[in-house]
PDB file of N, CA and C in Angstrom:
ATOM      1  N   UNK A   1      61.393 -99.553-106.004  1.00  0.00           N
ATOM      2  CA  UNK A   1      60.557-100.682-105.436  1.00  0.00           C
ATOM      3  C   UNK A   1      61.182-101.183-104.623  1.00  0.00           C
ATOM      4  N   UNK A   2      62.805-101.452-104.700  1.00  0.00           N
ATOM      5  CA  UNK A   2      63.486-102.063-103.759  1.00  0.00           C
ATOM      6  C   UNK A   2      63.206-102.055-102.110  1.00  0.00           C
ATOM      7  N   UNK A   3      62.703-100.708-101.702  1.00  0.00           N
ATOM      8  CA  UNK A   3      62.607-100.195-100.475  1.00  0.00           C
ATOM      9  C   UNK A   3      61.218-100.712-100.279  1.00  0.00           C
ATOM     10  N   UNK A   4      60.239-101.492-100.581  1.00  0.00           N
ATOM     11  CA  UNK A   4      58.880-101.744-100.482  1.00  0.00           C
ATOM     12  C   UNK A   4      59.242-103.377-100.467  1.00  0.00           C
ATOM     13  N   UNK A   5      58.907-103.855 -99.565  1.00  0.00           N
ATOM     14  CA  UNK A   5      58.919-105.094 -99.162  1.00  0.00           C
ATOM     15  C   UNK A   5      57.412-105.663 -99.027  1.00  0.00           C
ATOM     16  N   UNK A   6      56.724-106.844 -99.750  1.00  0.00           N
ATOM     17  CA  UNK A   6      55.418-106.668 -99.794  1.00  0.00           C
ATOM     18  C   UNK A   6      55.744-108.534 -99.340  1.00  0.00           C
ATOM     19  N   UNK A   7      55.071-108.831 -98.321  1.00  0.00           N
ATOM     20  CA  UNK A   7      55.134-110.376 -97.859  1.00  0.00           C
ATOM     21  C   UNK A   7      53.839-111.301 -97.905  1.00  0.00           C
ATOM     22  N   UNK A   8      54.050-112.134 -97.753  1.00  0.00           N
ATOM     23  CA  UNK A   8      52.821-113.240 -98.184  1.00  0.00           C
ATOM     24  C   UNK A   8      51.815-112.795 -97.001  1.00  0.00           C
ATOM     25  N   UNK A   9      52.003-112.610 -96.041  1.00  0.00           N
ATOM     26  CA  UNK A   9      51.246-112.416 -94.712  1.00  0.00           C
ATOM     27  C   UNK A   9      50.187-111.171 -94.969  1.00  0.00           C
ATOM     28  N   UNK A  10      50.849-109.752 -95.411  1.00  0.00           N
ATOM     29  CA  UNK A  10      50.110-108.719 -95.784  1.00  0.00           C
ATOM     30  C   UNK A  10      49.270-108.913 -96.933  1.00  0.00           C
ATOM     31  N   UNK A  11      49.389-109.828 -98.032  1.00  0.00           N
ATOM     32  CA  UNK A  11      48.518-109.988 -98.907  1.00  0.00           C
ATOM     33  C   UNK A  11      47.477-110.919 -98.513  1.00  0.00           C
ATOM     34  N   UNK A  12      47.917-111.684 -97.678  1.00  0.00           N
ATOM     35  CA  UNK A  12      47.063-112.771 -97.228  1.00  0.00           C
ATOM     36  C   UNK A  12      45.770-112.427 -96.254  1.00  0.00           C
ATOM     37  N   UNK A  13      46.666-110.955 -95.491  1.00  0.00           N
ATOM     38  CA  UNK A  13      45.569-110.108 -94.455  1.00  0.00           C
ATOM     39  C   UNK A  13      44.569-109.272 -95.673  1.00  0.00           C
ATOM     40  N   UNK A  14      44.873-108.476 -96.350  1.00  0.00           N
ATOM     41  CA  UNK A  14      44.413-107.882 -97.237  1.00  0.00           C
ATOM     42  C   UNK A  14      43.452-108.417 -98.317  1.00  0.00           C
ATOM     43  N   UNK A  15      43.940-109.921 -98.743  1.00  0.00           N
ATOM     44  CA  UNK A  15      42.626-110.748 -99.382  1.00  0.00           C
ATOM     45  C   UNK A  15      41.570-111.117 -98.393  1.00  0.00           C
ATOM     46  N   UNK A  16      41.934-111.204 -96.944  1.00  0.00           N
ATOM     47  CA  UNK A  16      41.175-111.591 -95.944  1.00  0.00           C
ATOM     48  C   UNK A  16      40.299-110.336 -95.757  1.00  0.00           C
ATOM     49  N   UNK A  17      40.446-109.264 -95.577  1.00  0.00           N
ATOM     50  CA  UNK A  17      40.025-108.074 -95.448  1.00  0.00           C
ATOM     51  C   UNK A  17      38.912-107.904 -96.401  1.00  0.00           C
ATOM     52  N   UNK A  18      39.423-107.900 -97.776  1.00  0.00           N
ATOM     53  CA  UNK A  18      38.720-107.862 -98.881  1.00  0.00           C
ATOM     54  C   UNK A  18      37.572-108.850 -98.884  1.00  0.00           C
ATOM     55  N   UNK A  19      37.797-109.822 -98.164  1.00  0.00           N
ATOM     56  CA  UNK A  19      36.574-111.061 -98.550  1.00  0.00           C
ATOM     57  C   UNK A  19      35.767-110.465 -97.356  1.00  0.00           C
ATOM     58  N   UNK A  20      35.834-110.130 -96.497  1.00  0.00           N
ATOM     59  CA  UNK A  20      35.225-110.134 -95.179  1.00  0.00           C
ATOM     60  C   UNK A  20      34.333-108.725 -95.783  1.00  0.00           C
ATOM     61  N   UNK A  21      34.677-107.706 -96.596  1.00  0.00           N
ATOM     62  CA  UNK A  21      33.896-106.842 -96.676  1.00  0.00           C
ATOM     63  C   UNK A  21      33.310-107.080 -97.994  1.00  0.00           C
ATOM     64  N   UNK A  22      33.208-107.823 -98.739  1.00  0.00           N
ATOM     65  CA  UNK A  22      32.397-108.306 -99.939  1.00  0.00           C
ATOM     66  C   UNK A  22      31.530-109.394 -99.454  1.00  0.00           C
ATOM     67  N   UNK A  23      31.481-110.121 -98.315  1.00  0.00           N
ATOM     68  CA  UNK A  23      30.597-110.806 -97.554  1.00  0.00           C
ATOM     69  C   UNK A  23      29.761-109.569 -97.281  1.00  0.00           C
ATOM     70  N   UNK A  24      30.339-108.628 -96.515  1.00  0.00           N
ATOM     71  CA  UNK A  24      29.394-107.742 -95.495  1.00  0.00           C
ATOM     72  C   UNK A  24      28.469-106.832 -96.966  1.00  0.00           C
ATOM     73  N   UNK A  25      28.786-106.537 -97.883  1.00  0.00           N
ATOM     74  CA  UNK A  25      28.419-105.944 -98.913  1.00  0.00           C
ATOM     75  C   UNK A  25      27.137-106.680 -99.491  1.00  0.00           C
ATOM     76  N   UNK A  26      27.506-108.157 -99.664  1.00  0.00           N
ATOM     77  CA  UNK A  26      26.459-109.098-100.308  1.00  0.00           C
ATOM     78  C   UNK A  26      25.056-108.985 -98.928  1.00  0.00           C
ATOM     79  N   UNK A  27      25.812-109.212 -98.017  1.00  0.00           N
ATOM     80  CA  UNK A  27      24.711-108.903 -96.586  1.00  0.00           C
ATOM     81  C   UNK A  27      23.771-107.730 -96.870  1.00  0.00           C
ATOM     82  N   UNK A  28      24.671-106.586 -97.081  1.00  0.00           N
ATOM     83  CA  UNK A  28      23.679-105.747 -97.385  1.00  0.00           C
ATOM     84  C   UNK A  28      22.997-105.761 -98.308  1.00  0.00           C
ATOM     85  N   UNK A  29      23.615-106.210 -99.350  1.00  0.00           N
ATOM     86  CA  UNK A  29      22.685-105.962-101.040  1.00  0.00           C
ATOM     87  C   UNK A  29      21.260-107.017-100.380  1.00  0.00           C
ATOM     88  N   UNK A  30      21.618-107.730-100.156  1.00  0.00           N
ATOM     89  CA  UNK A  30      20.541-108.977 -99.435  1.00  0.00           C
ATOM     90  C   UNK A  30      19.480-108.274 -98.727  1.00  0.00           C
ATOM     91  N   UNK A  31      19.841-107.724 -97.909  1.00  0.00           N
ATOM     92  CA  UNK A  31      18.757-106.847 -96.900  1.00  0.00           C
ATOM     93  C   UNK A  31      18.046-105.780 -97.592  1.00  0.00           C
ATOM     94  N   UNK A  32      18.848-104.813 -98.528  1.00  0.00           N
ATOM     95  CA  UNK A  32      18.058-104.195 -99.482  1.00  0.00           C
ATOM     96  C   UNK A  32      17.297-104.896-100.050  1.00  0.00           C
ATOM     97  N   UNK A  33      17.343-105.659-100.838  1.00  0.00           N
ATOM     98  CA  UNK A  33      16.624-106.744-101.978  1.00  0.00           C
ATOM     99  C   UNK A  33      15.219-107.196-100.722  1.00  0.00           C
ATOM    100  N   UNK A  34      15.590-107.664 -99.715  1.00  0.00           N
ATOM    101  CA  UNK A  34      14.396-108.094 -98.762  1.00  0.00           C
ATOM    102  C   UNK A  34      13.380-106.744 -98.619  1.00  0.00           C
ATOM    103  N   UNK A  35      14.067-105.582 -97.998  1.00  0.00           N
ATOM    104  CA  UNK A  35      12.914-104.933 -97.573  1.00  0.00           C
ATOM    105  C   UNK A  35      12.613-104.375 -99.238  1.00  0.00           C
ATOM    106  N   UNK A  36      13.247-104.268-100.187  1.00  0.00           N
ATOM    107  CA  UNK A  36      12.467-103.612-101.408  1.00  0.00           C
ATOM    108  C   UNK A  36      11.314-104.474-101.466  1.00  0.00           C
ATOM    109  N   UNK A  37      11.448-106.139-101.502  1.00  0.00           N
ATOM    110  CA  UNK A  37      10.187-106.758-101.684  1.00  0.00           C
ATOM    111  C   UNK A  37       9.436-106.768-100.788  1.00  0.00           C
ATOM    112  N   UNK A  38       9.716-106.272 -99.408  1.00  0.00           N
ATOM    113  CA  UNK A  38       8.722-106.124 -98.003  1.00  0.00           C
ATOM    114  C   UNK A  38       7.725-104.737 -98.975  1.00  0.00           C
ATOM    115  N   UNK A  39       8.649-103.701 -99.024  1.00  0.00           N
ATOM    116  CA  UNK A  39       7.943-102.891 -99.200  1.00  0.00           C
ATOM    117  C   UNK A  39       6.852-102.846-100.553  1.00  0.00           C
ATOM    118  N   UNK A  40       7.132-103.482-101.223  1.00  0.00           N
ATOM    119  CA  UNK A  40       6.420-103.632-102.833  1.00  0.00           C
ATOM    120  C   UNK A  40       5.355-104.439-102.448  1.00  0.00           C
ATOM    121  N   UNK A  41       5.288-105.744-101.079  1.00  0.00           N
ATOM    122  CA  UNK A  41       4.343-106.310-100.794  1.00  0.00           C
ATOM    123  C   UNK A  41       3.480-105.256 -99.983  1.00  0.00           C
ATOM    124  N   UNK A  42       3.850-104.480 -99.082  1.00  0.00           N
ATOM    125  CA  UNK A  42       2.995-103.892 -98.272  1.00  0.00           C
ATOM    126  C   UNK A  42       2.149-102.547 -99.362  1.00  0.00           C
ATOM    127  N   UNK A  43       2.992-102.466-100.138  1.00  0.00           N
ATOM    128  CA  UNK A  43       1.996-101.492-101.113  1.00  0.00           C
ATOM    129  C   UNK A  43       1.102-101.962-101.954  1.00  0.00           C
ATOM    130  N   UNK A  44       1.117-103.422-102.061  1.00  0.00           N
ATOM    131  CA  UNK A  44       0.006-103.982-102.974  1.00  0.00           C
ATOM    132  C   UNK A  44      -0.784-104.147-101.686  1.00  0.00           C
ATOM    133  N   UNK A  45      -0.670-104.366-100.528  1.00  0.00           N
ATOM    134  CA  UNK A  45      -1.767-104.734 -99.594  1.00  0.00           C
ATOM    135  C   UNK A  45      -2.644-103.702 -99.636  1.00  0.00           C
ATOM    136  N   UNK A  46      -1.718-102.418 -99.379  1.00  0.00           N
ATOM    137  CA  UNK A  46      -2.096-101.304 -99.323  1.00  0.00           C
ATOM    138  C   UNK A  46      -3.342-100.817-100.363  1.00  0.00           C
ATOM    139  N   UNK A  47      -2.920-101.385-101.361  1.00  0.00           N
ATOM    140  CA  UNK A  47      -4.245-101.219-102.737  1.00  0.00           C
ATOM    141  C   UNK A  47      -4.901-101.875-103.106  1.00  0.00           C
ATOM    142  N   UNK A  48      -4.818-103.055-101.878  1.00  0.00           N
ATOM    143  CA  UNK A  48      -6.044-104.210-102.278  1.00  0.00           C
ATOM    144  C   UNK A  48      -6.962-103.341-100.867  1.00  0.00           C
ATOM    145  N   UNK A  49      -6.427-103.324 -99.795  1.00  0.00           N
ATOM    146  CA  UNK A  49      -7.307-102.953 -98.884  1.00  0.00           C
ATOM    147  C   UNK A  49      -8.057-101.339 -99.123  1.00  0.00           C
ATOM    148  N   UNK A  50      -7.092-100.579 -99.931  1.00  0.00           N
ATOM    149  CA  UNK A  50      -8.335 -99.544-100.431  1.00  0.00           C
ATOM    150  C   UNK A  50      -9.458-100.104-101.555  1.00  0.00           C
ATOM    151  N   UNK A  51      -8.947-100.861-102.332  1.00  0.00           N
ATOM    152  CA  UNK A  51      -9.968-101.527-103.089  1.00  0.00           C
ATOM    153  C   UNK A  51     -11.442-101.966-102.575  1.00  0.00           C
ATOM    154  N   UNK A  52     -10.793-102.513-101.254  1.00  0.00           N
ATOM    155  CA  UNK A  52     -11.884-103.065-100.811  1.00  0.00           C
ATOM    156  C   UNK A  52     -12.851-102.267-100.164  1.00  0.00           C
ATOM    157  N   UNK A  53     -12.060-101.436 -99.495  1.00  0.00           N
ATOM    158  CA  UNK A  53     -12.775-100.263 -98.490  1.00  0.00           C
ATOM    159  C   UNK A  53     -13.761 -99.404 -99.373  1.00  0.00           C
ATOM    160  N   UNK A  54     -13.174 -99.320-100.890  1.00  0.00           N
ATOM    161  CA  UNK A  54     -13.755 -98.567-101.714  1.00  0.00           C
ATOM    162  C   UNK A  54     -15.039 -99.072-102.146  1.00  0.00           C
ATOM    163  N   UNK A  55     -14.714-100.350-102.283  1.00  0.00           N
ATOM    164  CA  UNK A  55     -16.034-101.332-102.321  1.00  0.00           C
ATOM    165  C   UNK A  55     -17.315-101.289-101.504  1.00  0.00           C
ATOM    166  N   UNK A  56     -16.838-101.236-100.186  1.00  0.00           N
ATOM    167  CA  UNK A  56     -17.621-101.300 -98.980  1.00  0.00           C
ATOM    168  C   UNK A  56     -18.292 -99.936 -99.050  1.00  0.00           C
ATOM    169  N   UNK A  57     -17.428 -98.737 -99.150  1.00  0.00           N
ATOM    170  CA  UNK A  57     -17.822 -97.569 -99.053  1.00  0.00           C
ATOM    171  C   UNK A  57     -19.280 -97.196-100.121  1.00  0.00           C
ATOM    172  N   UNK A  58     -18.777 -97.907-101.459  1.00  0.00           N
ATOM    173  CA  UNK A  58     -19.659 -97.823-102.310  1.00  0.00           C
ATOM    174  C   UNK A  58     -21.111 -98.697-102.179  1.00  0.00           C
ATOM    175  N   UNK A  59     -20.864 -99.482-101.679  1.00  0.00           N
ATOM    176  CA  UNK A  59     -22.364-100.307-101.073  1.00  0.00           C
ATOM    177  C   UNK A  59     -22.979 -99.590 -99.835  1.00  0.00           C
ATOM    178  N   UNK A  60     -22.161 -99.106 -98.771  1.00  0.00           N
ATOM    179  CA  UNK A  60     -22.707 -98.512 -97.625  1.00  0.00           C
ATOM    180  C   UNK A  60     -23.569 -97.030 -98.236  1.00  0.00           C
ATOM    181  N   UNK A  61     -23.032 -96.340 -99.322  1.00  0.00           N
ATOM    182  CA  UNK A  61     -23.612 -95.281 -99.664  1.00  0.00           C
ATOM    183  C   UNK A  61     -24.827 -95.600-100.533  1.00  0.00           C
ATOM    184  N   UNK A  62     -24.698 -96.728-101.296  1.00  0.00           N
ATOM    185  CA  UNK A  62     -25.838 -97.478-101.997  1.00  0.00           C
ATOM    186  C   UNK A  62     -27.157 -97.834-101.257  1.00  0.00           C
ATOM    187  N   UNK A  63     -26.948 -98.293-100.317  1.00  0.00           N
ATOM    188  CA  UNK A  63     -27.616 -98.819 -99.245  1.00  0.00           C
ATOM    189  C   UNK A  63     -28.390 -97.800 -98.381  1.00  0.00           C
ATOM    190  N   UNK A  64     -27.686 -96.780 -98.315  1.00  0.00           N
ATOM    191  CA  UNK A  64     -28.122 -95.656 -97.314  1.00  0.00           C
ATOM    192  C   UNK A  64     -28.871 -94.761 -98.712  1.00  0.00           C
ATOM    193  N   UNK A  65     -28.556 -94.628 -99.429  1.00  0.00           N
ATOM    194  CA  UNK A  65     -29.296 -94.086-100.416  1.00  0.00           C
ATOM    195  C   UNK A  65     -30.804 -94.592-100.857  1.00  0.00           C
ATOM    196  N   UNK A  66     -30.503 -95.909-100.966  1.00  0.00           N
ATOM    197  CA  UNK A  66     -31.605 -96.671-101.229  1.00  0.00           C
ATOM    198  C   UNK A  66     -32.358 -96.697-100.251  1.00  0.00           C
ATOM    199  N   UNK A  67     -32.172 -96.739 -98.685  1.00  0.00           N
ATOM    200  CA  UNK A  67     -33.624 -97.069 -97.682  1.00  0.00           C
ATOM    201  C   UNK A  67     -33.916 -95.277 -97.694  1.00  0.00           C
ATOM    202  N   UNK A  68     -33.121 -94.603 -97.917  1.00  0.00           N
ATOM    203  CA  UNK A  68     -33.687 -93.087 -97.944  1.00  0.00           C
ATOM    204  C   UNK A  68     -35.063 -92.801 -98.954  1.00  0.00           C
ATOM    205  N   UNK A  69     -34.413 -93.330-100.134  1.00  0.00           N
ATOM    206  CA  UNK A  69     -35.176 -92.957-101.430  1.00  0.00           C
ATOM    207  C   UNK A  69     -36.456 -93.886-100.877  1.00  0.00           C
ATOM    208  N   UNK A  70     -36.251 -94.912-100.674  1.00  0.00           N
ATOM    209  CA  UNK A  70     -37.376 -96.035-100.139  1.00  0.00           C
ATOM    210  C   UNK A  70     -38.401 -95.165 -99.211  1.00  0.00           C
ATOM    211  N   UNK A  71     -37.824 -94.646 -98.097  1.00  0.00           N
ATOM    212  CA  UNK A  71     -38.604 -93.966 -97.302  1.00  0.00           C
ATOM    213  C   UNK A  71     -39.305 -92.643 -97.630  1.00  0.00           C
ATOM    214  N   UNK A  72     -38.791 -92.008 -98.717  1.00  0.00           N
ATOM    215  CA  UNK A  72     -39.134 -91.032 -99.095  1.00  0.00           C
ATOM    216  C   UNK A  72     -40.222 -91.185-100.370  1.00  0.00           C
ATOM    217  N   UNK A  73     -40.400 -92.224-100.717  1.00  0.00           N
ATOM    218  CA  UNK A  73     -41.369 -92.929-101.816  1.00  0.00           C
ATOM    219  C   UNK A  73     -42.374 -93.377-100.921  1.00  0.00           C
ATOM    220  N   UNK A  74     -41.980 -93.837 -99.558  1.00  0.00           N
ATOM    221  CA  UNK A  74     -43.415 -94.291 -99.226  1.00  0.00           C
ATOM    222  C   UNK A  74     -44.015 -93.049 -98.390  1.00  0.00           C
ATOM    223  N   UNK A  75     -43.277 -91.935 -97.881  1.00  0.00           N
ATOM    224  CA  UNK A  75     -43.838 -91.140 -97.680  1.00  0.00           C
ATOM    225  C   UNK A  75     -44.821 -90.399 -98.551  1.00  0.00           C
ATOM    226  N   UNK A  76     -43.941 -90.258 -99.686  1.00  0.00           N
ATOM    227  CA  UNK A  76     -44.586 -89.606-100.966  1.00  0.00           C
ATOM    228  C   UNK A  76     -46.275 -90.099-101.435  1.00  0.00           C
ATOM    229  N   UNK A  77     -46.221 -91.482-101.311  1.00  0.00           N
ATOM    230  CA  UNK A  77     -47.184 -92.478-101.608  1.00  0.00           C
ATOM    231  C   UNK A  77     -48.311 -92.128-100.455  1.00  0.00           C
ATOM    232  N   UNK A  78     -47.909 -92.135 -99.261  1.00  0.00           N
ATOM    233  CA  UNK A  78     -48.581 -91.973 -98.122  1.00  0.00           C
ATOM    234  C   UNK A  78     -49.643 -90.439 -98.178  1.00  0.00           C
ATOM    235  N   UNK A  79     -48.858 -89.845 -98.803  1.00  0.00           N
ATOM    236  CA  UNK A  79     -49.752 -88.249 -98.860  1.00  0.00           C
ATOM    237  C   UNK A  79     -49.984 -88.075 -99.988  1.00  0.00           C
ATOM    238  N   UNK A  80     -49.915 -88.996-101.283  1.00  0.00           N
ATOM    239  CA  UNK A  80     -50.623 -88.768-102.269  1.00  0.00           C
ATOM    240  C   UNK A  80     -52.005 -89.825-102.358  1.00  0.00           C
ATOM    241  N   UNK A  81     -51.962 -90.881-101.361  1.00  0.00           N
ATOM    242  CA  UNK A  81     -53.159 -91.832-101.363  1.00  0.00           C
ATOM    243  C   UNK A  81     -54.367 -91.086-101.226  1.00  0.00           C
ATOM    244  N   UNK A  82     -54.711 -89.815-100.471  1.00  0.00           N
ATOM    245  CA  UNK A  82     -55.626 -89.478 -99.894  1.00  0.00           C
ATOM    246  C   UNK A  82     -56.227 -88.460-101.337  1.00  0.00           C
ATOM    247  N   UNK A  83     -55.246 -88.037-101.733  1.00  0.00           N
ATOM    248  CA  UNK A  83     -55.456 -86.994-103.104  1.00  0.00           C
ATOM    249  C   UNK A  83     -56.035 -88.363-104.358  1.00  0.00           C
ATOM    250  N   UNK A  84     -55.626 -89.795-104.561  1.00  0.00           N
ATOM    251  CA  UNK A  84     -55.910 -90.196-105.477  1.00  0.00           C
ATOM    252  C   UNK A  84     -57.157 -90.621-105.037  1.00  0.00           C
ATOM    253  N   UNK A  85     -57.640 -90.806-103.647  1.00  0.00           N
ATOM    254  CA  UNK A  85     -59.097 -91.637-103.501  1.00  0.00           C
ATOM    255  C   UNK A  85     -60.177 -90.282-103.587  1.00  0.00           C
ATOM    256  N   UNK A  86     -59.723 -89.227-103.497  1.00  0.00           N
ATOM    257  CA  UNK A  86     -60.610 -87.906-103.781  1.00  0.00           C
ATOM    258  C   UNK A  86     -60.800 -88.016-105.195  1.00  0.00           C
ATOM    259  N   UNK A  87     -59.733 -88.121-105.894  1.00  0.00           N
ATOM    260  CA  UNK A  87     -59.739 -88.050-107.064  1.00  0.00           C
ATOM    261  C   UNK A  87     -60.927 -89.227-107.774  1.00  0.00           C
ATOM    262  N   UNK A  88     -60.600 -90.265-107.524  1.00  0.00           N
ATOM    263  CA  UNK A  88     -61.582 -91.333-107.821  1.00  0.00           C
ATOM    264  C   UNK A  88     -62.831 -91.064-107.749  1.00  0.00           C
ATOM    265  N   UNK A  89     -63.228 -90.788-106.556  1.00  0.00           N
ATOM    266  CA  UNK A  89     -64.512 -90.527-105.970  1.00  0.00           C
ATOM    267  C   UNK A  89     -65.024 -89.680-106.840  1.00  0.00           C
ATOM    268  N   UNK A  90     -64.171 -88.596-107.193  1.00  0.00           N
ATOM    269  CA  UNK A  90     -64.852 -87.335-108.121  1.00  0.00           C
ATOM    270  C   UNK A  90     -65.401 -88.256-109.343  1.00  0.00           C
ATOM    271  N   UNK A  91     -64.654 -88.313-110.070  1.00  0.00           N
ATOM    272  CA  UNK A  91     -64.736 -89.381-111.073  1.00  0.00           C
ATOM    273  C   UNK A  91     -65.553 -90.393-111.052  1.00  0.00           C
ATOM    274  N   UNK A  92     -65.996 -90.849-110.105  1.00  0.00           N
ATOM    275  CA  UNK A  92     -67.395 -91.774-109.954  1.00  0.00           C
ATOM    276  C   UNK A  92     -68.602 -90.915-109.748  1.00  0.00           C
ATOM    277  N   UNK A  93     -68.429 -89.835-109.187  1.00  0.00           N
ATOM    278  CA  UNK A  93     -69.193 -89.002-108.878  1.00  0.00           C
ATOM    279  C   UNK A  93     -69.790 -88.158-110.600  1.00  0.00           C
ATOM    280  N   UNK A  94     -68.774 -88.024-110.857  1.00  0.00           N
ATOM    281  CA  UNK A  94     -68.697 -87.238-112.307  1.00  0.00           C
ATOM    282  C   UNK A  94     -69.688 -88.536-113.410  1.00  0.00           C
ATOM    283  N   UNK A  95     -69.197 -89.724-113.135  1.00  0.00           N
ATOM    284  CA  UNK A  95     -69.835 -90.405-114.184  1.00  0.00           C
ATOM    285  C   UNK A  95     -71.332 -90.736-113.519  1.00  0.00           C
ATOM    286  N   UNK A  96     -71.854 -90.581-112.261  1.00  0.00           N
ATOM    287  CA  UNK A  96     -73.091 -90.683-111.511  1.00  0.00           C
ATOM    288  C   UNK A  96     -73.896 -89.549-112.318  1.00  0.00           C
ATOM    289  N   UNK A  97     -73.187 -87.894-112.102  1.00  0.00           N
ATOM    290  CA  UNK A  97     -73.613 -87.068-112.347  1.00  0.00           C
ATOM    291  C   UNK A  97     -74.210 -86.887-114.035  1.00  0.00           C
ATOM    292  N   UNK A  98     -73.336 -87.502-115.341  1.00  0.00           N
ATOM    293  CA  UNK A  98     -73.192 -87.613-116.543  1.00  0.00           C
ATOM    294  C   UNK A  98     -74.293 -88.592-117.148  1.00  0.00           C
ATOM    295  N   UNK A  99     -74.434 -89.739-116.033  1.00  0.00           N
ATOM    296  CA  UNK A  99     -75.742 -90.604-116.381  1.00  0.00           C
ATOM    297  C   UNK A  99     -76.972 -90.005-115.708  1.00  0.00           C
ATOM    298  N   UNK A 100     -77.279 -89.491-114.510  1.00  0.00           N
ATOM    299  CA  UNK A 100     -78.508 -88.517-114.649  1.00  0.00           C
ATOM    300  C   UNK A 100     -79.002 -87.745-115.021  1.00  0.00           C
ATOM    301  N   UNK A 101     -77.771 -86.787-115.757  1.00  0.00           N
ATOM    302  CA  UNK A 101     -77.998 -85.754-116.915  1.00  0.00           C
ATOM    303  C   UNK A 101     -78.683 -86.368-118.412  1.00  0.00           C
ATOM    304  N   UNK A 102     -77.951 -87.745-118.424  1.00  0.00           N
ATOM    305  CA  UNK A 102     -78.659 -88.542-119.934  1.00  0.00           C
ATOM    306  C   UNK A 102     -79.856 -89.042-119.644  1.00  0.00           C
ATOM    307  N   UNK A 103     -79.983 -89.533-118.439  1.00  0.00           N
ATOM    308  CA  UNK A 103     -81.288 -90.016-117.828  1.00  0.00           C
ATOM    309  C   UNK A 103     -82.853 -88.858-117.936  1.00  0.00           C
ATOM    310  N   UNK A 104     -82.058 -87.662-118.154  1.00  0.00           N
ATOM    311  CA  UNK A 104     -83.224 -86.270-117.608  1.00  0.00           C
ATOM    312  C   UNK A 104     -84.122 -85.806-119.079  1.00  0.00           C
TER     313      UNK A 104
END
């Protein structure tokens, strides 16, 4: 150890370099933390958007199906109405025939 001389200037430079590296590492850790928090926030936003889009899609599908079913129901009623009217006329005719037969 006699050959190795360590002076205070060398120790001061090493300490200064260590402090600079520690500061740089702290800054990097802070940056990583910030990026992690931003990533988590982005993931939450995406989840919220997906939930909103799912709700919107569900509403659109229900509205579309409801409109189609209402249209189909209207068409069926329009096609069945003449048959129902004829059936009612036949019932009235049957009642009149029955009344006439009782009268004879």
